[in-house]
C-alpha atoms as a PDB file:
ATOM      1  CA  MET A   1     -61.722-154.953-191.358  1.00  0.00           C
ATOM      2  CA  SER A   2     -64.762-153.015-192.489  1.00  0.00           C
ATOM      3  CA  THR A   3     -64.187-149.883-194.599  1.00  0.00           C
ATOM      4  CA  ALA A   4     -67.827-148.839-194.631  1.00  0.00           C
ATOM      5  CA  ALA A   5     -68.512-145.279-193.591  1.00  0.00           C
ATOM      6  CA  PRO A   6     -70.166-144.938-190.176  1.00  0.00           C
ATOM      7  CA  GLU A   7     -73.889-144.419-190.311  1.00  0.00           C
ATOM      8  CA  LYS A   8     -75.049-140.857-189.706  1.00  0.00           C
ATOM      9  CA  LYS A   9     -77.496-140.496-186.867  1.00  0.00           C
ATOM     10  CA  GLU A  10     -80.521-138.446-187.799  1.00  0.00           C
ATOM     11  CA  LYS A  11     -81.203-135.526-185.500  1.00  0.00           C
ATOM     12  CA  VAL A  12     -84.488-136.054-183.718  1.00  0.00           C
ATOM     13  CA  VAL A  13     -86.490-132.853-183.418  1.00  0.00           C
ATOM     14  CA  GLN A  14     -88.789-132.963-180.439  1.00  0.00           C
ATOM     15  CA  PRO A  15     -92.258-131.492-181.021  1.00  0.00           C
ATOM     16  CA  PHE A  16     -92.913-128.247-179.171  1.00  0.00           C
ATOM     17  CA  ASP A  17     -95.035-128.677-176.041  1.00  0.00           C
ATOM     18  CA  TYR A  18     -97.731-126.017-176.507  1.00  0.00           C
ATOM     19  CA  ASP A  19     -99.807-127.516-173.685  1.00  0.00           C
ATOM     20  CA  LYS A  20     -97.572-126.069-170.976  1.00  0.00           C
ATOM     21  CA  TYR A  21     -98.661-122.569-172.024  1.00  0.00           C
ATOM     22  CA  LEU A  22    -102.362-123.295-172.616  1.00  0.00           C
ATOM     23  CA  ARG A  23    -105.479-123.685-170.480  1.00  0.00           C
ATOM     24  CA  PRO A  24    -106.946-126.983-171.701  1.00  0.00           C
ATOM     25  CA  ASN A  25    -110.297-126.326-170.028  1.00  0.00           C
ATOM     26  CA  LYS A  26    -110.766-123.261-172.264  1.00  0.00           C
ATOM     27  CA  LEU A  27    -110.389-125.226-175.493  1.00  0.00           C
ATOM     28  CA  PRO A  28    -111.533-125.736-178.219  1.00  0.00           C
ATOM     29  CA  HIS A  29    -111.106-122.146-179.372  1.00  0.00           C
ATOM     30  CA  ILE A  30    -113.801-120.117-181.140  1.00  0.00           C
ATOM     31  CA  TRP A  31    -111.778-119.127-184.221  1.00  0.00           C
ATOM     32  CA  CYS A  32    -113.227-120.034-187.609  1.00  0.00           C
ATOM     33  CA  PRO A  33    -111.749-122.723-189.889  1.00  0.00           C
ATOM     34  CA  GLY A  34    -109.061-121.070-192.015  1.00  0.00           C
ATOM     35  CA  CYS A  35    -108.430-118.209-189.582  1.00  0.00           C
ATOM     36  CA  GLY A  36    -104.730-117.556-189.003  1.00  0.00           C
ATOM     37  CA  HIS A  37    -105.083-116.571-185.341  1.00  0.00           C
ATOM     38  CA  GLY A  38    -104.164-120.077-184.198  1.00  0.00           C
ATOM     39  CA  ILE A  39    -100.993-119.978-186.313  1.00  0.00           C
ATOM     40  CA  VAL A  40    -100.055-116.630-184.792  1.00  0.00           C
ATOM     41  CA  LEU A  41    -100.733-117.936-181.279  1.00  0.00           C
ATOM     42  CA  LYS A  42     -98.364-120.870-181.844  1.00  0.00           C
ATOM     43  CA  ALA A  43     -95.628-118.539-183.141  1.00  0.00           C
ATOM     44  CA  LEU A  44     -96.158-116.306-180.099  1.00  0.00           C
ATOM     45  CA  LEU A  45     -95.877-119.217-177.649  1.00  0.00           C
ATOM     46  CA  ARG A  46     -92.680-120.474-179.282  1.00  0.00           C
ATOM     47  CA  ALA A  47     -91.214-116.962-179.102  1.00  0.00           C
ATOM     48  CA  ILE A  48     -92.162-116.627-175.425  1.00  0.00           C
ATOM     49  CA  ASP A  49     -90.566-120.003-174.715  1.00  0.00           C
ATOM     50  CA  LYS A  50     -87.289-118.816-176.236  1.00  0.00           C
ATOM     51  CA  THR A  51     -87.172-115.818-173.881  1.00  0.00           C
ATOM     52  CA  GLY A  52     -86.995-118.160-170.898  1.00  0.00           C
ATOM     53  CA  LEU A  53     -89.396-115.964-168.945  1.00  0.00           C
ATOM     54  CA  PRO A  54     -91.404-117.685-166.185  1.00  0.00           C
ATOM     55  CA  LYS A  55     -95.136-117.745-166.883  1.00  0.00           C
ATOM     56  CA  ASP A  56     -95.844-115.759-163.719  1.00  0.00           C
ATOM     57  CA  ASN A  57     -93.702-112.903-165.052  1.00  0.00           C
ATOM     58  CA  ILE A  58     -95.872-112.470-168.149  1.00  0.00           C
ATOM     59  CA  VAL A  59     -99.096-110.491-168.426  1.00  0.00           C
ATOM     60  CA  MET A  60    -101.222-110.696-171.572  1.00  0.00           C
ATOM     61  CA  VAL A  61    -103.866-108.016-172.110  1.00  0.00           C
ATOM     62  CA  SER A  62    -106.502-107.699-174.830  1.00  0.00           C
ATOM     63  CA  GLY A  63    -109.551-105.662-175.726  1.00  0.00           C
ATOM     64  CA  ILE A  64    -112.500-106.958-177.748  1.00  0.00           C
ATOM     65  CA  GLY A  65    -112.455-108.898-181.013  1.00  0.00           C
ATOM     66  CA  CYS A  66    -111.473-112.263-182.453  1.00  0.00           C
ATOM     67  CA  SER A  67    -107.766-111.822-181.684  1.00  0.00           C
ATOM     68  CA  SER A  68    -108.599-110.499-178.229  1.00  0.00           C
ATOM     69  CA  ARG A  69    -109.905-113.917-177.231  1.00  0.00           C
ATOM     70  CA  THR A  70    -106.266-115.085-177.062  1.00  0.00           C
ATOM     71  CA  PRO A  71    -105.675-114.384-173.329  1.00  0.00           C
ATOM     72  CA  GLY A  72    -108.502-116.766-172.475  1.00  0.00           C
ATOM     73  CA  TYR A  73    -106.523-119.697-173.877  1.00  0.00           C
ATOM     74  CA  VAL A  74    -103.062-119.049-172.403  1.00  0.00           C
ATOM     75  CA  ASP A  75    -101.743-119.869-168.947  1.00  0.00           C
ATOM     76  CA  PHE A  76    -100.263-116.489-168.019  1.00  0.00           C
ATOM     77  CA  ASN A  77    -101.532-113.572-165.982  1.00  0.00           C
ATOM     78  CA  THR A  78    -104.271-112.325-168.313  1.00  0.00           C
ATOM     79  CA  MET A  79    -106.813-109.536-168.694  1.00  0.00           C
ATOM     80  CA  HIS A  80    -109.641-109.448-171.255  1.00  0.00           C
ATOM     81  CA  THR A  81    -110.658-105.785-171.071  1.00  0.00           C
ATOM     82  CA  LEU A  82    -112.814-103.213-172.843  1.00  0.00           C
ATOM     83  CA  HIS A  83    -113.025-102.487-176.563  1.00  0.00           C
ATOM     84  CA  GLY A  84    -110.079-100.322-177.567  1.00  0.00           C
ATOM     85  CA  ARG A  85    -108.749 -99.945-174.021  1.00  0.00           C
ATOM     86  CA  ALA A  86    -106.195-102.768-173.891  1.00  0.00           C
ATOM     87  CA  MET A  87    -103.215-100.404-174.017  1.00  0.00           C
ATOM     88  CA  ALA A  88    -104.677 -98.230-171.268  1.00  0.00           C
ATOM     89  CA  PHE A  89    -104.974-101.257-168.957  1.00  0.00           C
ATOM     90  CA  ALA A  90    -101.526-102.486-170.042  1.00  0.00           C
ATOM     91  CA  THR A  91    -100.019 -99.069-169.259  1.00  0.00           C
ATOM     92  CA  GLY A  92    -101.412 -99.228-165.732  1.00  0.00           C
ATOM     93  CA  ILE A  93    -100.048-102.737-165.207  1.00  0.00           C
ATOM     94  CA  LYS A  94     -96.586-101.806-166.465  1.00  0.00           C
ATOM     95  CA  PHE A  95     -96.582 -98.621-164.409  1.00  0.00           C
ATOM     96  CA  ALA A  96     -97.474-100.517-161.216  1.00  0.00           C
ATOM     97  CA  ARG A  97     -95.266-103.545-161.928  1.00  0.00           C
ATOM     98  CA  PRO A  98     -92.452-102.554-164.303  1.00  0.00           C
ATOM     99  CA  ASP A  99     -90.760-105.897-163.588  1.00  0.00           C
ATOM    100  CA  LEU A 100     -93.425-107.777-165.564  1.00  0.00           C
ATOM    101  CA  LYS A 101     -93.369-108.503-169.311  1.00  0.00           C
ATOM    102  CA  VAL A 102     -96.565-106.989-170.690  1.00  0.00           C
ATOM    103  CA  ILE A 103     -97.958-108.240-174.012  1.00  0.00           C
ATOM    104  CA  VAL A 104    -100.985-106.671-175.697  1.00  0.00           C
ATOM    105  CA  VAL A 105    -102.916-108.750-178.233  1.00  0.00           C
ATOM    106  CA  THR A 106    -105.284-106.631-180.302  1.00  0.00           C
ATOM    107  CA  GLY A 107    -106.926-106.352-183.710  1.00  0.00           C
ATOM    108  CA  ASP A 108    -106.637-103.549-186.240  1.00  0.00           C
ATOM    109  CA  GLY A 109    -110.090-102.222-185.370  1.00  0.00           C
ATOM    110  CA  ASP A 110    -109.569-102.548-181.622  1.00  0.00           C
ATOM    111  CA  ALA A 111    -106.124-100.878-181.749  1.00  0.00           C
ATOM    112  CA  LEU A 112    -106.497 -98.247-184.447  1.00  0.00           C
ATOM    113  CA  ALA A 113    -110.165 -97.216-184.386  1.00  0.00           C
ATOM    114  CA  ILE A 114    -111.733 -97.005-180.923  1.00  0.00           C
ATOM    115  CA  GLY A 115    -108.299 -97.577-179.381  1.00  0.00           C
ATOM    116  CA  GLY A 116    -106.364 -95.287-181.705  1.00  0.00           C
ATOM    117  CA  ASN A 117    -105.725 -92.583-179.122  1.00  0.00           C
ATOM    118  CA  HIS A 118    -104.331 -95.087-176.598  1.00  0.00           C
ATOM    119  CA  PHE A 119    -102.156 -96.619-179.342  1.00  0.00           C
ATOM    120  CA  ILE A 120    -100.634 -93.271-180.276  1.00  0.00           C
ATOM    121  CA  HIS A 121     -99.837 -92.239-176.716  1.00  0.00           C
ATOM    122  CA  ALA A 122     -98.449 -95.620-175.663  1.00  0.00           C
ATOM    123  CA  CYS A 123     -96.042 -95.313-178.613  1.00  0.00           C
ATOM    124  CA  ARG A 124     -95.267 -91.696-177.749  1.00  0.00           C
ATOM    125  CA  ARG A 125     -94.374 -92.585-174.156  1.00  0.00           C
ATOM    126  CA  ASN A 126     -92.266 -95.548-175.280  1.00  0.00           C
ATOM    127  CA  ILE A 127     -93.652 -97.747-172.511  1.00  0.00           C
ATOM    128  CA  ASP A 128     -91.938-101.130-172.305  1.00  0.00           C
ATOM    129  CA  MET A 129     -94.653-103.402-173.702  1.00  0.00           C
ATOM    130  CA  THR A 130     -95.095-105.540-176.801  1.00  0.00           C
ATOM    131  CA  VAL A 131     -98.195-104.856-178.900  1.00  0.00           C
ATOM    132  CA  LEU A 132     -99.247-107.454-181.474  1.00  0.00           C
ATOM    133  CA  VAL A 133    -101.777-106.038-183.945  1.00  0.00           C
ATOM    134  CA  TYR A 134    -103.609-108.830-185.782  1.00  0.00           C
ATOM    135  CA  THR A 135    -104.522-107.086-189.042  1.00  0.00           C
ATOM    136  CA  ASN A 136    -107.338-108.736-191.008  1.00  0.00           C
ATOM    137  CA  ALA A 137    -108.952-105.560-192.439  1.00  0.00           C
ATOM    138  CA  THR A 138    -112.361-106.275-190.932  1.00  0.00           C
ATOM    139  CA  TYR A 139    -114.334-106.501-187.691  1.00  0.00           C
ATOM    140  CA  GLY A 140    -114.541-110.281-187.690  1.00  0.00           C
ATOM    141  CA  MET A 141    -116.398-110.692-184.397  1.00  0.00           C
ATOM    142  CA  THR A 142    -119.027-107.954-184.656  1.00  0.00           C
ATOM    143  CA  GLY A 143    -120.413-108.316-188.162  1.00  0.00           C
ATOM    144  CA  GLY A 144    -117.798-107.786-190.869  1.00  0.00           C
ATOM    145  CA  GLN A 145    -117.709-103.982-190.926  1.00  0.00           C
ATOM    146  CA  TYR A 146    -114.781-102.272-192.666  1.00  0.00           C
ATOM    147  CA  SER A 147    -111.851-101.336-190.415  1.00  0.00           C
ATOM    148  CA  PRO A 148    -109.057 -98.708-190.434  1.00  0.00           C
ATOM    149  CA  THR A 149    -106.894-101.097-192.494  1.00  0.00           C
ATOM    150  CA  SER A 150    -109.478-102.186-195.094  1.00  0.00           C
ATOM    151  CA  PRO A 151    -108.097-101.631-198.609  1.00  0.00           C
ATOM    152  CA  ILE A 152    -109.727 -99.063-200.861  1.00  0.00           C
ATOM    153  CA  GLY A 153    -112.444-100.754-202.913  1.00  0.00           C
ATOM    154  CA  SER A 154    -112.896-103.694-200.564  1.00  0.00           C
ATOM    155  CA  THR A 155    -116.405-104.745-199.629  1.00  0.00           C
ATOM    156  CA  ALA A 156    -117.770-105.038-196.099  1.00  0.00           C
ATOM    157  CA  THR A 157    -121.160-104.988-194.396  1.00  0.00           C
ATOM    158  CA  THR A 158    -120.714-101.226-193.965  1.00  0.00           C
ATOM    159  CA  SER A 159    -119.161-100.596-197.404  1.00  0.00           C
ATOM    160  CA  ARG A 160    -121.432-102.480-199.808  1.00  0.00           C
ATOM    161  CA  TYR A 161    -120.265-100.461-202.801  1.00  0.00           C
ATOM    162  CA  GLY A 162    -116.586-100.599-201.879  1.00  0.00           C
ATOM    163  CA  ASN A 163    -114.554 -98.832-199.200  1.00  0.00           C
ATOM    164  CA  ILE A 164    -113.486 -95.293-200.170  1.00  0.00           C
ATOM    165  CA  GLU A 165    -111.353 -94.528-197.088  1.00  0.00           C
ATOM    166  CA  PRO A 166    -107.552 -94.921-197.375  1.00  0.00           C
ATOM    167  CA  PRO A 167    -106.202 -97.483-194.891  1.00  0.00           C
ATOM    168  CA  PHE A 168    -103.780 -96.835-192.058  1.00  0.00           C
ATOM    169  CA  ASP A 169    -100.273 -98.248-192.330  1.00  0.00           C
ATOM    170  CA  THR A 170     -99.919 -99.615-188.801  1.00  0.00           C
ATOM    171  CA  CYS A 171     -96.125 -99.642-188.897  1.00  0.00           C
ATOM    172  CA  GLU A 172     -95.796 -96.080-190.193  1.00  0.00           C
ATOM    173  CA  MET A 173     -98.296 -94.909-187.593  1.00  0.00           C
ATOM    174  CA  ALA A 174     -96.381 -96.624-184.777  1.00  0.00           C
ATOM    175  CA  LYS A 175     -93.062 -95.224-185.973  1.00  0.00           C
ATOM    176  CA  ALA A 176     -94.410 -91.686-186.358  1.00  0.00           C
ATOM    177  CA  SER A 177     -95.976 -91.875-182.883  1.00  0.00           C
ATOM    178  CA  GLY A 178     -92.684 -92.775-181.240  1.00  0.00           C
ATOM    179  CA  ALA A 179     -92.491 -96.562-180.870  1.00  0.00           C
ATOM    180  CA  SER A 180     -88.838 -97.601-180.623  1.00  0.00           C
ATOM    181  CA  PHE A 181     -89.366-101.018-182.277  1.00  0.00           C
ATOM    182  CA  VAL A 182     -91.665-101.551-185.258  1.00  0.00           C
ATOM    183  CA  ALA A 183     -91.998-104.728-187.306  1.00  0.00           C
ATOM    184  CA  ARG A 184     -94.366-106.641-189.563  1.00  0.00           C
ATOM    185  CA  GLY A 185     -95.037-110.329-190.082  1.00  0.00           C
ATOM    186  CA  THR A 186     -97.701-112.614-191.508  1.00  0.00           C
ATOM    187  CA  ALA A 187     -99.457-115.806-190.463  1.00  0.00           C
ATOM    188  CA  TYR A 188     -98.098-117.400-193.665  1.00  0.00           C
ATOM    189  CA  HIS A 189     -94.431-116.783-192.755  1.00  0.00           C
ATOM    190  CA  THR A 190     -94.788-118.448-189.370  1.00  0.00           C
ATOM    191  CA  ILE A 191     -91.114-119.197-188.566  1.00  0.00           C
ATOM    192  CA  GLU A 192     -90.126-115.683-189.564  1.00  0.00           C
ATOM    193  CA  LEU A 193     -92.985-114.341-187.426  1.00  0.00           C
ATOM    194  CA  GLU A 194     -91.712-116.311-184.426  1.00  0.00           C
ATOM    195  CA  ARG A 195     -88.287-114.652-184.745  1.00  0.00           C
ATOM    196  CA  THR A 196     -89.842-111.208-185.165  1.00  0.00           C
ATOM    197  CA  ILE A 197     -92.030-111.592-182.068  1.00  0.00           C
ATOM    198  CA  TYR A 198     -89.012-112.827-180.087  1.00  0.00           C
ATOM    199  CA  ASP A 199     -87.047-109.718-181.101  1.00  0.00           C
ATOM    200  CA  ALA A 200     -90.004-107.549-180.085  1.00  0.00           C
ATOM    201  CA  LEU A 201     -90.270-109.240-176.680  1.00  0.00           C
ATOM    202  CA  MET A 202     -86.559-108.741-176.006  1.00  0.00           C
ATOM    203  CA  HIS A 203     -86.644-105.038-176.893  1.00  0.00           C
ATOM    204  CA  LYS A 204     -86.708-102.472-174.048  1.00  0.00           C
ATOM    205  CA  GLY A 205     -89.384 -99.957-174.960  1.00  0.00           C
ATOM    206  CA  MET A 206     -92.578 -99.885-176.991  1.00  0.00           C
ATOM    207  CA  SER A 207     -92.490-102.679-179.586  1.00  0.00           C
ATOM    208  CA  VAL A 208     -95.248-102.999-182.189  1.00  0.00           C
ATOM    209  CA  VAL A 209     -95.641-105.968-184.537  1.00  0.00           C
ATOM    210  CA  ASP A 210     -98.210-105.645-187.317  1.00  0.00           C
ATOM    211  CA  ILE A 211     -99.335-109.176-188.238  1.00  0.00           C
ATOM    212  CA  ILE A 212    -101.162-109.663-191.546  1.00  0.00           C
ATOM    213  CA  ASP A 213    -103.701-112.359-190.778  1.00  0.00           C
ATOM    214  CA  ALA A 214    -106.583-112.998-193.191  1.00  0.00           C
ATOM    215  CA  CYS A 215    -110.241-113.424-192.168  1.00  0.00           C
ATOM    216  CA  PRO A 216    -111.876-115.939-194.553  1.00  0.00           C
ATOM    217  CA  THR A 217    -115.321-115.802-192.941  1.00  0.00           C
ATOM    218  CA  TYR A 218    -116.126-112.122-193.467  1.00  0.00           C
ATOM    219  CA  PHE A 219    -113.437-110.415-195.548  1.00  0.00           C
ATOM    220  CA  GLY A 220    -112.818-113.492-197.680  1.00  0.00           C
ATOM    221  CA  ARG A 221    -116.433-114.280-198.523  1.00  0.00           C
ATOM    222  CA  MET A 222    -117.426-110.667-199.120  1.00  0.00           C
ATOM    223  CA  ASN A 223    -114.439-110.050-201.400  1.00  0.00           C
ATOM    224  CA  LYS A 224    -114.861-113.234-203.435  1.00  0.00           C
ATOM    225  CA  TYR A 225    -111.817-115.197-202.333  1.00  0.00           C
ATOM    226  CA  LYS A 226    -112.219-118.880-203.124  1.00  0.00           C
ATOM    227  CA  SER A 227    -110.584-120.261-199.988  1.00  0.00           C
ATOM    228  CA  ALA A 228    -108.570-119.422-196.899  1.00  0.00           C
ATOM    229  CA  THR A 229    -105.509-120.848-198.637  1.00  0.00           C
ATOM    230  CA  GLN A 230    -105.949-118.468-201.568  1.00  0.00           C
ATOM    231  CA  MET A 231    -106.245-115.541-199.161  1.00  0.00           C
ATOM    232  CA  MET A 232    -102.974-116.453-197.451  1.00  0.00           C
ATOM    233  CA  GLU A 233    -101.187-116.833-200.764  1.00  0.00           C
ATOM    234  CA  ILE A 234    -102.433-113.522-202.198  1.00  0.00           C
ATOM    235  CA  LEU A 235    -102.581-111.251-199.131  1.00  0.00           C
ATOM    236  CA  GLU A 236     -99.682-112.632-197.105  1.00  0.00           C
ATOM    237  CA  LYS A 237     -97.281-114.495-199.387  1.00  0.00           C
ATOM    238  CA  ASP A 238     -97.515-112.547-202.665  1.00  0.00           C
ATOM    239  CA  ASN A 239     -98.309-109.121-201.200  1.00  0.00           C
ATOM    240  CA  THR A 240     -95.305-108.904-198.861  1.00  0.00           C
ATOM    241  CA  VAL A 241     -91.523-108.841-199.189  1.00  0.00           C
ATOM    242  CA  ASN A 242     -88.907-109.416-196.513  1.00  0.00           C
ATOM    243  CA  ILE A 243     -87.006-106.191-195.867  1.00  0.00           C
ATOM    244  CA  LYS A 244     -83.662-107.924-196.462  1.00  0.00           C
ATOM    245  CA  GLN A 245     -84.805-109.129-199.884  1.00  0.00           C
ATOM    246  CA  ALA A 246     -86.264-105.716-200.701  1.00  0.00           C
ATOM    247  CA  ASP A 247     -82.810-104.146-200.806  1.00  0.00           C
ATOM    248  CA  LYS A 248     -81.961-106.359-203.798  1.00  0.00           C
ATOM    249  CA  LEU A 249     -85.132-105.708-205.796  1.00  0.00           C
ATOM    250  CA  PRO A 250     -85.822-102.893-208.278  1.00  0.00           C
ATOM    251  CA  PRO A 251     -88.538-100.341-207.326  1.00  0.00           C
ATOM    252  CA  GLU A 252     -91.071-101.783-209.797  1.00  0.00           C
ATOM    253  CA  LYS A 253     -90.906-105.168-208.007  1.00  0.00           C
ATOM    254  CA  LEU A 254     -91.770-103.483-204.683  1.00  0.00           C
ATOM    255  CA  GLN A 255     -94.714-101.465-205.925  1.00  0.00           C
ATOM    256  CA  GLY A 256     -97.817-102.284-203.922  1.00  0.00           C
ATOM    257  CA  LYS A 257     -95.907-104.626-201.585  1.00  0.00           C
ATOM    258  CA  MET A 258     -95.708-104.422-197.790  1.00  0.00           C
ATOM    259  CA  LEU A 259     -92.374-104.999-196.092  1.00  0.00           C
ATOM    260  CA  ARG A 260     -91.861-107.744-193.500  1.00  0.00           C
ATOM    261  CA  GLY A 261     -89.305-107.939-190.728  1.00  0.00           C
ATOM    262  CA  VAL A 262     -87.923-105.336-188.338  1.00  0.00           C
ATOM    263  CA  LEU A 263     -88.621-101.987-190.008  1.00  0.00           C
ATOM    264  CA  HIS A 264     -87.538 -99.603-187.250  1.00  0.00           C
ATOM    265  CA  LYS A 265     -85.431-100.047-184.122  1.00  0.00           C
ATOM    266  CA  VAL A 266     -83.870 -97.325-181.994  1.00  0.00           C
ATOM    267  CA  ASP A 267     -82.724 -96.951-178.404  1.00  0.00           C
ATOM    268  CA  ARG A 268     -84.419 -94.207-176.447  1.00  0.00           C
ATOM    269  CA  PRO A 269     -85.455 -93.707-172.803  1.00  0.00           C
ATOM    270  CA  GLU A 270     -88.283 -95.892-171.537  1.00  0.00           C
ATOM    271  CA  TYR A 271     -91.183 -94.190-169.774  1.00  0.00           C
ATOM    272  CA  CYS A 272     -91.334 -96.165-166.512  1.00  0.00           C
ATOM    273  CA  ASP A 273     -87.570 -95.804-165.983  1.00  0.00           C
ATOM    274  CA  GLN A 274     -87.777 -92.074-166.610  1.00  0.00           C
ATOM    275  CA  TYR A 275     -90.704 -91.656-164.253  1.00  0.00           C
ATOM    276  CA  GLU A 276     -89.001 -93.546-161.437  1.00  0.00           C
ATOM    277  CA  GLU A 277     -85.810 -91.551-161.875  1.00  0.00           C
ATOM    278  CA  HIS A 278     -87.744 -88.280-161.971  1.00  0.00           C
ATOM    279  CA  VAL A 279     -89.731 -89.078-158.807  1.00  0.00           C
ATOM    280  CA  ILE A 280     -86.615 -90.187-156.898  1.00  0.00           C
ATOM    281  CA  LYS A 281     -84.778 -86.998-157.838  1.00  0.00           C
ATOM    282  CA  LYS A 282     -87.715 -84.817-156.804  1.00  0.00           C
ATOM    283  CA  ALA A 283     -88.203 -86.680-153.541  1.00  0.00           C
ATOM    284  CA  THR A 284     -84.476 -86.507-152.715  1.00  0.00           C
ATOM    285  CA  SER A 285     -84.225 -82.786-153.474  1.00  0.00           C
ATOM    286  CA  LYS A 286     -86.966 -82.011-150.893  1.00  0.00           C
ATOM    287  CA  GLU A 287     -85.216 -83.825-148.062  1.00  0.00           C
END
C-alpha cells in the first residue's frame, strides 16, 4: 500500500481574452513604445469584464489626445468627440439613456484645460458616469506643450526654461467640485488599477479615476529621463503610496508623495434620477 502523498494539481490560469473587447481591424494602435496607455487599456477591459455588463450597454466617449484614441480600438458603443468636450457629449448620452454605462476616457490637458469647465460641472451634478483621466503632464499628441498637471520646473515645448505654474491635483479638484467617487491609480500598479476602475464602474454617481501614466516621447525626453522604465519607477512606483499603507507611515515618509486607491466615496443623489423624479412630480401636479 502506497503511503505517498497525493500529487497537488496546479491551478491553470486561463489567459484573459482581450480580443472579445477589441476591434482587430483598428490595430495596431498608434501609441509610442513605452507609453502606458496600452497597460491602462488592458486594466480597463479586465475591470469591465468583471462587471458582467453586455458590450451593447457600454458607451465610451473621448475628446482629443493620445488617450482619447482609446474608443477607436474597443468594441463598444463609442464616440470620439471634440477637444475638451467629452464630458459634455457624455452628459447628453447619459441624460437621454440613463440605462447605459457611460465611460469617459480623457487626458489631463483634454479634461482640465480646455475641458475644465465641463469637468467641474459634471462633478457638481454628480452624473452617473466614470471618468478616467490619463495624467502624463504633457500634450503628447499635439507637440509636447506643458499641461495643467505639469510639475513646477519641468520642461516642455512651451516652457523651455521650466514650468512656473503650479499643477492641478485632479483628485482634489474632483472632490471639491462634487464627485461622489474619487480615486487614483498608476500604469505601474496595473492589478491595483484594475480593482480601482472596477470600483469606479460599480459606483452610482460621478466617479473620477486619476491615472498617472508617463509619456516617454515628449515629457521623458525633454526632462532627461533615460528610459520609459525609469519614468515608471520614479513617477509611478516611487512617487506614490497606497492609501492603506499611508496610514502606517510617518508624515516625513509621505512628503511629496501622491496617494493611490479610493480617496473619496460618498452616497449622494444622482442627477439623472433627480431630474426624472422632479419632472414626474411637476407633470403629475398639473394633471
